[in-house]
Amino acid sequence: MVDGDCIPIAFALTRAEQTREKRYKCTLNSLRKDHPDYAGWRLAHIEHVGLKRRGDITELDISKLKNHFKSLMSPSNMFFIPKEYSGLAELPEFCQQIKRRHSGY
């Protein structure tokens, strides 16, 4: 998986990151576009998964990167929503309702 560049390293790469010679370039955005199961759906996260920073990933503490990766890839932090309603996935109130339903199982 890692050697095949199948694990996403970001939602999307900046223009500078795209032009830089990098070993890993897989993004969540590119996986969505290439995967037929996403047709008409959006994958959203219950808890926010952004790093809230720009810059070289090598400057981040490894423990922060590990926690970020776990949150990003954890199925319990994900849900699908029809694309026409995908704006709801950005609302904290909506995500809290999804979280309540997840914890009820």
PDB file of N, CA and C in Angstrom:
ATOM      1  N   MET A   1       0.814  -1.197   0.000  1.00  0.00           N
ATOM      2  CA  MET A   1       0.000   0.000   0.000  1.00  0.00           C
ATOM      3  C   MET A   1       0.859   1.263   0.000  1.00  0.00           C
ATOM      4  N   VAL A   2       1.818   1.330   0.912  1.00  0.00           N
ATOM      5  CA  VAL A   2       2.655   2.525   0.987  1.00  0.00           C
ATOM      6  C   VAL A   2       3.505   2.641  -0.273  1.00  0.00           C
ATOM      7  N   ASP A   3       4.111   1.539  -0.674  1.00  0.00           N
ATOM      8  CA  ASP A   3       4.942   1.575  -1.879  1.00  0.00           C
ATOM      9  C   ASP A   3       4.133   1.907  -3.125  1.00  0.00           C
ATOM     10  N   GLY A   4       2.864   1.546  -3.140  1.00  0.00           N
ATOM     11  CA  GLY A   4       2.012   1.824  -4.288  1.00  0.00           C
ATOM     12  C   GLY A   4       1.369   3.194  -4.237  1.00  0.00           C
ATOM     13  N   ASP A   5       1.704   3.991  -3.220  1.00  0.00           N
ATOM     14  CA  ASP A   5       1.156   5.343  -3.034  1.00  0.00           C
ATOM     15  C   ASP A   5      -0.373   5.301  -2.996  1.00  0.00           C
ATOM     16  N   CYS A   6      -0.923   4.405  -2.152  1.00  0.00           N
ATOM     17  CA  CYS A   6      -2.375   4.248  -2.034  1.00  0.00           C
ATOM     18  C   CYS A   6      -2.936   4.856  -0.760  1.00  0.00           C
ATOM     19  N   ILE A   7      -2.093   5.324   0.130  1.00  0.00           N
ATOM     20  CA  ILE A   7      -2.553   5.929   1.376  1.00  0.00           C
ATOM     21  C   ILE A   7      -2.528   7.440   1.199  1.00  0.00           C
ATOM     22  N   PRO A   8      -3.663   8.103   1.376  1.00  0.00           N
ATOM     23  CA  PRO A   8      -3.700   9.554   1.174  1.00  0.00           C
ATOM     24  C   PRO A   8      -2.883  10.305   2.215  1.00  0.00           C
ATOM     25  N   ILE A   9      -2.152  11.309   1.751  1.00  0.00           N
ATOM     26  CA  ILE A   9      -1.338  12.123   2.653  1.00  0.00           C
ATOM     27  C   ILE A   9      -1.987  13.474   2.930  1.00  0.00           C
ATOM     28  N   ALA A  10      -3.027  13.819   2.182  1.00  0.00           N
ATOM     29  CA  ALA A  10      -3.720  15.102   2.344  1.00  0.00           C
ATOM     30  C   ALA A  10      -5.032  15.021   1.576  1.00  0.00           C
ATOM     31  N   PHE A  11      -5.918  15.994   1.812  1.00  0.00           N
ATOM     32  CA  PHE A  11      -7.142  16.067   1.007  1.00  0.00           C
ATOM     33  C   PHE A  11      -6.772  16.422  -0.428  1.00  0.00           C
ATOM     34  N   ALA A  12      -5.921  17.426  -0.563  1.00  0.00           N
ATOM     35  CA  ALA A  12      -5.459  17.874  -1.877  1.00  0.00           C
ATOM     36  C   ALA A  12      -4.075  18.488  -1.697  1.00  0.00           C
ATOM     37  N   LEU A  13      -3.279  18.470  -2.746  1.00  0.00           N
ATOM     38  CA  LEU A  13      -1.947  19.068  -2.700  1.00  0.00           C
ATOM     39  C   LEU A  13      -1.997  20.499  -3.215  1.00  0.00           C
ATOM     40  N   THR A  14      -1.166  21.337  -2.623  1.00  0.00           N
ATOM     41  CA  THR A  14      -1.051  22.704  -3.123  1.00  0.00           C
ATOM     42  C   THR A  14      -0.350  22.666  -4.476  1.00  0.00           C
ATOM     43  N   ARG A  15      -0.418  23.758  -5.193  1.00  0.00           N
ATOM     44  CA  ARG A  15       0.250  23.833  -6.492  1.00  0.00           C
ATOM     45  C   ARG A  15       1.755  23.585  -6.338  1.00  0.00           C
ATOM     46  N   ALA A  16       2.349  24.136  -5.293  1.00  0.00           N
ATOM     47  CA  ALA A  16       3.784  23.946  -5.059  1.00  0.00           C
ATOM     48  C   ALA A  16       4.100  22.477  -4.767  1.00  0.00           C
ATOM     49  N   GLU A  17       3.233  21.820  -3.980  1.00  0.00           N
ATOM     50  CA  GLU A  17       3.448  20.409  -3.666  1.00  0.00           C
ATOM     51  C   GLU A  17       3.297  19.537  -4.902  1.00  0.00           C
ATOM     52  N   GLN A  18       2.412  19.918  -5.805  1.00  0.00           N
ATOM     53  CA  GLN A  18       2.199  19.142  -7.025  1.00  0.00           C
ATOM     54  C   GLN A  18       3.416  19.196  -7.935  1.00  0.00           C
ATOM     55  N   THR A  19       4.108  20.316  -7.959  1.00  0.00           N
ATOM     56  CA  THR A  19       5.250  20.462  -8.861  1.00  0.00           C
ATOM     57  C   THR A  19       6.535  19.908  -8.255  1.00  0.00           C
ATOM     58  N   ARG A  20       6.592  19.829  -6.938  1.00  0.00           N
ATOM     59  CA  ARG A  20       7.769  19.287  -6.271  1.00  0.00           C
ATOM     60  C   ARG A  20       7.862  17.786  -6.495  1.00  0.00           C
ATOM     61  N   GLU A  21       9.075  17.291  -6.653  1.00  0.00           N
ATOM     62  CA  GLU A  21       9.279  15.856  -6.798  1.00  0.00           C
ATOM     63  C   GLU A  21       9.076  15.210  -5.425  1.00  0.00           C
ATOM     64  N   LYS A  22       7.977  14.469  -5.314  1.00  0.00           N
ATOM     65  CA  LYS A  22       7.651  13.821  -4.046  1.00  0.00           C
ATOM     66  C   LYS A  22       7.390  12.347  -4.301  1.00  0.00           C
ATOM     67  N   ARG A  23       7.700  11.550  -3.321  1.00  0.00           N
ATOM     68  CA  ARG A  23       7.461  10.122  -3.449  1.00  0.00           C
ATOM     69  C   ARG A  23       5.977   9.802  -3.286  1.00  0.00           C
ATOM     70  N   TYR A  24       5.327  10.471  -2.334  1.00  0.00           N
ATOM     71  CA  TYR A  24       3.923  10.181  -2.060  1.00  0.00           C
ATOM     72  C   TYR A  24       3.057  11.359  -2.484  1.00  0.00           C
ATOM     73  N   LYS A  25       2.084  11.076  -3.339  1.00  0.00           N
ATOM     74  CA  LYS A  25       1.217  12.138  -3.851  1.00  0.00           C
ATOM     75  C   LYS A  25      -0.263  11.779  -3.763  1.00  0.00           C
ATOM     76  N   CYS A  26      -0.587  10.632  -3.204  1.00  0.00           N
ATOM     77  CA  CYS A  26      -1.978  10.204  -3.116  1.00  0.00           C
ATOM     78  C   CYS A  26      -2.764  11.165  -2.215  1.00  0.00           C
ATOM     79  N   THR A  27      -3.939  11.579  -2.673  1.00  0.00           N
ATOM     80  CA  THR A  27      -4.789  12.469  -1.884  1.00  0.00           C
ATOM     81  C   THR A  27      -6.192  11.870  -1.759  1.00  0.00           C
ATOM     82  N   LEU A  28      -6.911  12.296  -0.728  1.00  0.00           N
ATOM     83  CA  LEU A  28      -8.297  11.861  -0.568  1.00  0.00           C
ATOM     84  C   LEU A  28      -9.120  12.284  -1.774  1.00  0.00           C
ATOM     85  N   ASN A  29      -8.865  13.475  -2.244  1.00  0.00           N
ATOM     86  CA  ASN A  29      -9.601  13.997  -3.390  1.00  0.00           C
ATOM     87  C   ASN A  29      -9.408  13.111  -4.624  1.00  0.00           C
ATOM     88  N   SER A  30      -8.188  12.679  -4.888  1.00  0.00           N
ATOM     89  CA  SER A  30      -7.931  11.836  -6.066  1.00  0.00           C
ATOM     90  C   SER A  30      -8.556  10.456  -5.898  1.00  0.00           C
ATOM     91  N   LEU A  31      -8.577   9.933  -4.685  1.00  0.00           N
ATOM     92  CA  LEU A  31      -9.211   8.631  -4.460  1.00  0.00           C
ATOM     93  C   LEU A  31     -10.704   8.703  -4.726  1.00  0.00           C
ATOM     94  N   ARG A  32     -11.323   9.789  -4.319  1.00  0.00           N
ATOM     95  CA  ARG A  32     -12.758   9.956  -4.542  1.00  0.00           C
ATOM     96  C   ARG A  32     -13.086   9.993  -6.026  1.00  0.00           C
ATOM     97  N   LYS A  33     -12.283  10.720  -6.783  1.00  0.00           N
ATOM     98  CA  LYS A  33     -12.548  10.872  -8.212  1.00  0.00           C
ATOM     99  C   LYS A  33     -12.392   9.549  -8.953  1.00  0.00           C
ATOM    100  N   ASP A  34     -11.458   8.713  -8.494  1.00  0.00           N
ATOM    101  CA  ASP A  34     -11.156   7.469  -9.191  1.00  0.00           C
ATOM    102  C   ASP A  34     -12.037   6.300  -8.755  1.00  0.00           C
ATOM    103  N   HIS A  35     -12.763   6.428  -7.666  1.00  0.00           N
ATOM    104  CA  HIS A  35     -13.499   5.306  -7.111  1.00  0.00           C
ATOM    105  C   HIS A  35     -14.975   5.369  -7.500  1.00  0.00           C
ATOM    106  N   PRO A  36     -15.482   4.347  -8.190  1.00  0.00           N
ATOM    107  CA  PRO A  36     -16.865   4.392  -8.672  1.00  0.00           C
ATOM    108  C   PRO A  36     -17.909   4.405  -7.555  1.00  0.00           C
ATOM    109  N   ASP A  37     -17.572   3.892  -6.370  1.00  0.00           N
ATOM    110  CA  ASP A  37     -18.535   3.865  -5.271  1.00  0.00           C
ATOM    111  C   ASP A  37     -18.871   5.259  -4.750  1.00  0.00           C
ATOM    112  N   TYR A  38     -18.075   6.253  -5.091  1.00  0.00           N
ATOM    113  CA  TYR A  38     -18.321   7.607  -4.607  1.00  0.00           C
ATOM    114  C   TYR A  38     -19.316   8.370  -5.483  1.00  0.00           C
ATOM    115  N   ALA A  39     -19.741   7.791  -6.588  1.00  0.00           N
ATOM    116  CA  ALA A  39     -20.655   8.480  -7.506  1.00  0.00           C
ATOM    117  C   ALA A  39     -21.923   8.903  -6.765  1.00  0.00           C
ATOM    118  N   GLY A  40     -22.128  10.201  -6.668  1.00  0.00           N
ATOM    119  CA  GLY A  40     -23.319  10.721  -6.010  1.00  0.00           C
ATOM    120  C   GLY A  40     -23.214  10.854  -4.502  1.00  0.00           C
ATOM    121  N   TRP A  41     -22.070  10.507  -3.946  1.00  0.00           N
ATOM    122  CA  TRP A  41     -21.886  10.551  -2.495  1.00  0.00           C
ATOM    123  C   TRP A  41     -20.636  11.328  -2.115  1.00  0.00           C
ATOM    124  N   ARG A  42     -20.616  11.806  -0.906  1.00  0.00           N
ATOM    125  CA  ARG A  42     -19.428  12.475  -0.362  1.00  0.00           C
ATOM    126  C   ARG A  42     -19.046  11.782   0.934  1.00  0.00           C
ATOM    127  N   LEU A  43     -17.780  11.503   1.092  1.00  0.00           N
ATOM    128  CA  LEU A  43     -17.263  10.959   2.337  1.00  0.00           C
ATOM    129  C   LEU A  43     -16.956  12.135   3.251  1.00  0.00           C
ATOM    130  N   ALA A  44     -17.525  12.138   4.436  1.00  0.00           N
ATOM    131  CA  ALA A  44     -17.313  13.233   5.383  1.00  0.00           C
ATOM    132  C   ALA A  44     -16.784  12.662   6.698  1.00  0.00           C
ATOM    133  N   HIS A  45     -16.232  13.544   7.504  1.00  0.00           N
ATOM    134  CA  HIS A  45     -15.716  13.146   8.815  1.00  0.00           C
ATOM    135  C   HIS A  45     -16.555  13.774   9.920  1.00  0.00           C
ATOM    136  N   ILE A  46     -16.789  13.001  10.965  1.00  0.00           N
ATOM    137  CA  ILE A  46     -17.560  13.482  12.109  1.00  0.00           C
ATOM    138  C   ILE A  46     -16.742  14.515  12.876  1.00  0.00           C
ATOM    139  N   GLU A  47     -15.529  14.147  13.224  1.00  0.00           N
ATOM    140  CA  GLU A  47     -14.603  15.060  13.889  1.00  0.00           C
ATOM    141  C   GLU A  47     -13.679  15.645  12.831  1.00  0.00           C
ATOM    142  N   HIS A  48     -13.451  16.939  12.912  1.00  0.00           N
ATOM    143  CA  HIS A  48     -12.604  17.638  11.940  1.00  0.00           C
ATOM    144  C   HIS A  48     -11.222  16.980  11.863  1.00  0.00           C
ATOM    145  N   VAL A  49     -10.706  16.810  10.655  1.00  0.00           N
ATOM    146  CA  VAL A  49      -9.430  16.121  10.482  1.00  0.00           C
ATOM    147  C   VAL A  49      -8.332  16.995   9.869  1.00  0.00           C
ATOM    148  N   GLY A  50      -8.600  18.257   9.640  1.00  0.00           N
ATOM    149  CA  GLY A  50      -7.581  19.135   9.059  1.00  0.00           C
ATOM    150  C   GLY A  50      -6.436  19.398  10.023  1.00  0.00           C
ATOM    151  N   LEU A  51      -5.248  19.578   9.494  1.00  0.00           N
ATOM    152  CA  LEU A  51      -4.089  19.906  10.328  1.00  0.00           C
ATOM    153  C   LEU A  51      -4.063  21.380  10.728  1.00  0.00           C
ATOM    154  N   LYS A  52      -4.837  22.189  10.054  1.00  0.00           N
ATOM    155  CA  LYS A  52      -4.929  23.626  10.331  1.00  0.00           C
ATOM    156  C   LYS A  52      -3.580  24.333  10.221  1.00  0.00           C
ATOM    157  N   ARG A  53      -2.811  23.929   9.235  1.00  0.00           N
ATOM    158  CA  ARG A  53      -1.523  24.577   9.001  1.00  0.00           C
ATOM    159  C   ARG A  53      -1.041  24.253   7.603  1.00  0.00           C
ATOM    160  N   ARG A  54      -0.175  25.092   7.110  1.00  0.00           N
ATOM    161  CA  ARG A  54       0.474  24.860   5.819  1.00  0.00           C
ATOM    162  C   ARG A  54       1.961  24.679   6.093  1.00  0.00           C
ATOM    163  N   GLY A  55       2.640  24.120   5.161  1.00  0.00           N
ATOM    164  CA  GLY A  55       4.080  23.968   5.302  1.00  0.00           C
ATOM    165  C   GLY A  55       4.506  22.527   5.123  1.00  0.00           C
ATOM    166  N   ASP A  56       5.777  22.325   5.319  1.00  0.00           N
ATOM    167  CA  ASP A  56       6.376  21.014   5.121  1.00  0.00           C
ATOM    168  C   ASP A  56       5.943  20.058   6.226  1.00  0.00           C
ATOM    169  N   ILE A  57       5.459  18.905   5.830  1.00  0.00           N
ATOM    170  CA  ILE A  57       4.971  17.912   6.785  1.00  0.00           C
ATOM    171  C   ILE A  57       6.093  17.379   7.684  1.00  0.00           C
ATOM    172  N   THR A  58       7.323  17.468   7.204  1.00  0.00           N
ATOM    173  CA  THR A  58       8.455  16.979   8.008  1.00  0.00           C
ATOM    174  C   THR A  58       8.714  17.851   9.222  1.00  0.00           C
ATOM    175  N   GLU A  59       8.113  19.025   9.255  1.00  0.00           N
ATOM    176  CA  GLU A  59       8.291  19.919  10.406  1.00  0.00           C
ATOM    177  C   GLU A  59       7.322  19.611  11.555  1.00  0.00           C
ATOM    178  N   LEU A  60       6.377  18.703  11.313  1.00  0.00           N
ATOM    179  CA  LEU A  60       5.397  18.354  12.339  1.00  0.00           C
ATOM    180  C   LEU A  60       5.916  17.251  13.254  1.00  0.00           C
ATOM    181  N   ASP A  61       5.462  17.298  14.492  1.00  0.00           N
ATOM    182  CA  ASP A  61       5.795  16.270  15.464  1.00  0.00           C
ATOM    183  C   ASP A  61       5.172  14.941  15.019  1.00  0.00           C
ATOM    184  N   ILE A  62       5.937  13.868  15.112  1.00  0.00           N
ATOM    185  CA  ILE A  62       5.472  12.567  14.631  1.00  0.00           C
ATOM    186  C   ILE A  62       4.227  12.089  15.375  1.00  0.00           C
ATOM    187  N   SER A  63       4.111  12.389  16.659  1.00  0.00           N
ATOM    188  CA  SER A  63       2.921  11.952  17.405  1.00  0.00           C
ATOM    189  C   SER A  63       1.673  12.673  16.897  1.00  0.00           C
ATOM    190  N   LYS A  64       1.811  13.943  16.519  1.00  0.00           N
ATOM    191  CA  LYS A  64       0.678  14.681  15.953  1.00  0.00           C
ATOM    192  C   LYS A  64       0.275  14.075  14.613  1.00  0.00           C
ATOM    193  N   LEU A  65       1.251  13.693  13.799  1.00  0.00           N
ATOM    194  CA  LEU A  65       0.955  13.068  12.509  1.00  0.00           C
ATOM    195  C   LEU A  65       0.268  11.714  12.689  1.00  0.00           C
ATOM    196  N   LYS A  66       0.712  10.942  13.665  1.00  0.00           N
ATOM    197  CA  LYS A  66       0.086   9.638  13.919  1.00  0.00           C
ATOM    198  C   LYS A  66      -1.367   9.817  14.350  1.00  0.00           C
ATOM    199  N   ASN A  67      -1.621  10.744  15.259  1.00  0.00           N
ATOM    200  CA  ASN A  67      -2.993  10.993  15.707  1.00  0.00           C
ATOM    201  C   ASN A  67      -3.867  11.500  14.563  1.00  0.00           C
ATOM    202  N   HIS A  68      -3.296  12.365  13.742  1.00  0.00           N
ATOM    203  CA  HIS A  68      -4.029  12.884  12.586  1.00  0.00           C
ATOM    204  C   HIS A  68      -4.402  11.747  11.636  1.00  0.00           C
ATOM    205  N   PHE A  69      -3.454  10.882  11.350  1.00  0.00           N
ATOM    206  CA  PHE A  69      -3.698   9.767  10.440  1.00  0.00           C
ATOM    207  C   PHE A  69      -4.802   8.853  10.984  1.00  0.00           C
ATOM    208  N   LYS A  70      -4.748   8.552  12.279  1.00  0.00           N
ATOM    209  CA  LYS A  70      -5.776   7.686  12.882  1.00  0.00           C
ATOM    210  C   LYS A  70      -7.156   8.310  12.757  1.00  0.00           C
ATOM    211  N   SER A  71      -7.253   9.599  12.998  1.00  0.00           N
ATOM    212  CA  SER A  71      -8.539  10.289  12.893  1.00  0.00           C
ATOM    213  C   SER A  71      -9.004  10.354  11.444  1.00  0.00           C
ATOM    214  N   LEU A  72      -8.094  10.612  10.543  1.00  0.00           N
ATOM    215  CA  LEU A  72      -8.405  10.718   9.115  1.00  0.00           C
ATOM    216  C   LEU A  72      -8.921   9.400   8.546  1.00  0.00           C
ATOM    217  N   MET A  73      -8.319   8.299   8.939  1.00  0.00           N
ATOM    218  CA  MET A  73      -8.621   7.006   8.331  1.00  0.00           C
ATOM    219  C   MET A  73      -9.577   6.131   9.151  1.00  0.00           C
ATOM    220  N   SER A  74      -9.966   6.568  10.330  1.00  0.00           N
ATOM    221  CA  SER A  74     -10.822   5.764  11.192  1.00  0.00           C
ATOM    222  C   SER A  74     -12.250   5.670  10.642  1.00  0.00           C
ATOM    223  N   PRO A  75     -12.734   4.462  10.362  1.00  0.00           N
ATOM    224  CA  PRO A  75     -14.109   4.320   9.872  1.00  0.00           C
ATOM    225  C   PRO A  75     -15.150   4.876  10.852  1.00  0.00           C
ATOM    226  N   SER A  76     -14.854   4.850  12.135  1.00  0.00           N
ATOM    227  CA  SER A  76     -15.819   5.382  13.114  1.00  0.00           C
ATOM    228  C   SER A  76     -15.893   6.906  13.072  1.00  0.00           C
ATOM    229  N   ASN A  77     -14.998   7.539  12.324  1.00  0.00           N
ATOM    230  CA  ASN A  77     -15.017   8.997  12.174  1.00  0.00           C
ATOM    231  C   ASN A  77     -15.530   9.403  10.785  1.00  0.00           C
ATOM    232  N   MET A  78     -16.119   8.469  10.053  1.00  0.00           N
ATOM    233  CA  MET A  78     -16.558   8.741   8.684  1.00  0.00           C
ATOM    234  C   MET A  78     -18.040   8.455   8.501  1.00  0.00           C
ATOM    235  N   PHE A  79     -18.619   9.158   7.556  1.00  0.00           N
ATOM    236  CA  PHE A  79     -19.966   8.837   7.103  1.00  0.00           C
ATOM    237  C   PHE A  79     -20.134   9.329   5.675  1.00  0.00           C
ATOM    238  N   PHE A  80     -21.044   8.687   4.946  1.00  0.00           N
ATOM    239  CA  PHE A  80     -21.367   9.106   3.590  1.00  0.00           C
ATOM    240  C   PHE A  80     -22.632   9.940   3.615  1.00  0.00           C
ATOM    241  N   ILE A  81     -22.660  10.937   2.749  1.00  0.00           N
ATOM    242  CA  ILE A  81     -23.838  11.789   2.627  1.00  0.00           C
ATOM    243  C   ILE A  81     -24.049  12.053   1.137  1.00  0.00           C
ATOM    244  N   PRO A  82     -25.310  12.060   0.681  1.00  0.00           N
ATOM    245  CA  PRO A  82     -25.544  12.359  -0.739  1.00  0.00           C
ATOM    246  C   PRO A  82     -24.956  13.726  -1.102  1.00  0.00           C
ATOM    247  N   LYS A  83     -24.340  13.806  -2.269  1.00  0.00           N
ATOM    248  CA  LYS A  83     -23.665  15.042  -2.681  1.00  0.00           C
ATOM    249  C   LYS A  83     -24.570  16.261  -2.634  1.00  0.00           C
ATOM    250  N   GLU A  84     -25.851  16.100  -2.951  1.00  0.00           N
ATOM    251  CA  GLU A  84     -26.730  17.267  -2.950  1.00  0.00           C
ATOM    252  C   GLU A  84     -26.945  17.830  -1.552  1.00  0.00           C
ATOM    253  N   TYR A  85     -26.631  17.048  -0.518  1.00  0.00           N
ATOM    254  CA  TYR A  85     -26.751  17.524   0.873  1.00  0.00           C
ATOM    255  C   TYR A  85     -25.390  17.662   1.552  1.00  0.00           C
ATOM    256  N   SER A  86     -24.317  17.605   0.775  1.00  0.00           N
ATOM    257  CA  SER A  86     -22.979  17.547   1.362  1.00  0.00           C
ATOM    258  C   SER A  86     -22.619  18.774   2.191  1.00  0.00           C
ATOM    259  N   GLY A  87     -23.253  19.912   1.943  1.00  0.00           N
ATOM    260  CA  GLY A  87     -22.994  21.091   2.762  1.00  0.00           C
ATOM    261  C   GLY A  87     -23.338  20.874   4.226  1.00  0.00           C
ATOM    262  N   LEU A  88     -24.276  19.986   4.492  1.00  0.00           N
ATOM    263  CA  LEU A  88     -24.637  19.672   5.879  1.00  0.00           C
ATOM    264  C   LEU A  88     -23.465  19.080   6.649  1.00  0.00           C
ATOM    265  N   ALA A  89     -22.606  18.363   5.955  1.00  0.00           N
ATOM    266  CA  ALA A  89     -21.465  17.715   6.604  1.00  0.00           C
ATOM    267  C   ALA A  89     -20.476  18.720   7.183  1.00  0.00           C
ATOM    268  N   GLU A  90     -20.574  19.975   6.778  1.00  0.00           N
ATOM    269  CA  GLU A  90     -19.689  21.022   7.297  1.00  0.00           C
ATOM    270  C   GLU A  90     -20.239  21.658   8.575  1.00  0.00           C
ATOM    271  N   LEU A  91     -21.481  21.361   8.909  1.00  0.00           N
ATOM    272  CA  LEU A  91     -22.101  21.967  10.084  1.00  0.00           C
ATOM    273  C   LEU A  91     -21.822  21.138  11.332  1.00  0.00           C
ATOM    274  N   PRO A  92     -21.235  21.749  12.376  1.00  0.00           N
ATOM    275  CA  PRO A  92     -20.934  21.008  13.611  1.00  0.00           C
ATOM    276  C   PRO A  92     -22.179  20.344  14.218  1.00  0.00           C
ATOM    277  N   GLU A  93     -23.319  21.020  14.128  1.00  0.00           N
ATOM    278  CA  GLU A  93     -24.552  20.469  14.700  1.00  0.00           C
ATOM    279  C   GLU A  93     -24.958  19.170  13.997  1.00  0.00           C
ATOM    280  N   PHE A  94     -24.800  19.143  12.694  1.00  0.00           N
ATOM    281  CA  PHE A  94     -25.138  17.941  11.935  1.00  0.00           C
ATOM    282  C   PHE A  94     -24.188  16.804  12.302  1.00  0.00           C
ATOM    283  N   CYS A  95     -22.901  17.120  12.376  1.00  0.00           N
ATOM    284  CA  CYS A  95     -21.903  16.097  12.714  1.00  0.00           C
ATOM    285  C   CYS A  95     -22.126  15.553  14.122  1.00  0.00           C
ATOM    286  N   GLN A  96     -22.588  16.391  15.042  1.00  0.00           N
ATOM    287  CA  GLN A  96     -22.880  15.916  16.398  1.00  0.00           C
ATOM    288  C   GLN A  96     -24.042  14.921  16.381  1.00  0.00           C
ATOM    289  N   GLN A  97     -25.032  15.158  15.531  1.00  0.00           N
ATOM    290  CA  GLN A  97     -26.138  14.218  15.412  1.00  0.00           C
ATOM    291  C   GLN A  97     -25.651  12.871  14.849  1.00  0.00           C
ATOM    292  N   ILE A  98     -24.775  12.922  13.875  1.00  0.00           N
ATOM    293  CA  ILE A  98     -24.200  11.696  13.317  1.00  0.00           C
ATOM    294  C   ILE A  98     -23.415  10.969  14.404  1.00  0.00           C
ATOM    295  N   LYS A  99     -22.653  11.716  15.176  1.00  0.00           N
ATOM    296  CA  LYS A  99     -21.854  11.123  16.260  1.00  0.00           C
ATOM    297  C   LYS A  99     -22.755  10.434  17.284  1.00  0.00           C
ATOM    298  N   ARG A 100     -23.868  11.073  17.632  1.00  0.00           N
ATOM    299  CA  ARG A 100     -24.819  10.464  18.578  1.00  0.00           C
ATOM    300  C   ARG A 100     -25.364   9.145  18.037  1.00  0.00           C
ATOM    301  N   ARG A 101     -25.679   9.152  16.752  1.00  0.00           N
ATOM    302  CA  ARG A 101     -26.219   7.932  16.144  1.00  0.00           C
ATOM    303  C   ARG A 101     -25.167   6.824  16.080  1.00  0.00           C
ATOM    304  N   HIS A 102     -23.913   7.189  15.808  1.00  0.00           N
ATOM    305  CA  HIS A 102     -22.817   6.211  15.785  1.00  0.00           C
ATOM    306  C   HIS A 102     -22.658   5.571  17.155  1.00  0.00           C
ATOM    307  N   SER A 103     -22.689   6.383  18.200  1.00  0.00           N
ATOM    308  CA  SER A 103     -22.449   5.867  19.545  1.00  0.00           C
ATOM    309  C   SER A 103     -23.629   5.056  20.060  1.00  0.00           C
ATOM    310  N   GLY A 104     -24.792   5.158  19.394  1.00  0.00           N
ATOM    311  CA  GLY A 104     -25.965   4.415  19.815  1.00  0.00           C
ATOM    312  C   GLY A 104     -25.972   2.963  19.375  1.00  0.00           C
ATOM    313  N   TYR A 105     -25.030   2.578  18.526  1.00  0.00           N
ATOM    314  CA  TYR A 105     -25.003   1.195  18.026  1.00  0.00           C
ATOM    315  C   TYR A 105     -24.253   0.287  18.950  1.00  0.00           C
TER     316      TYR A 105
END
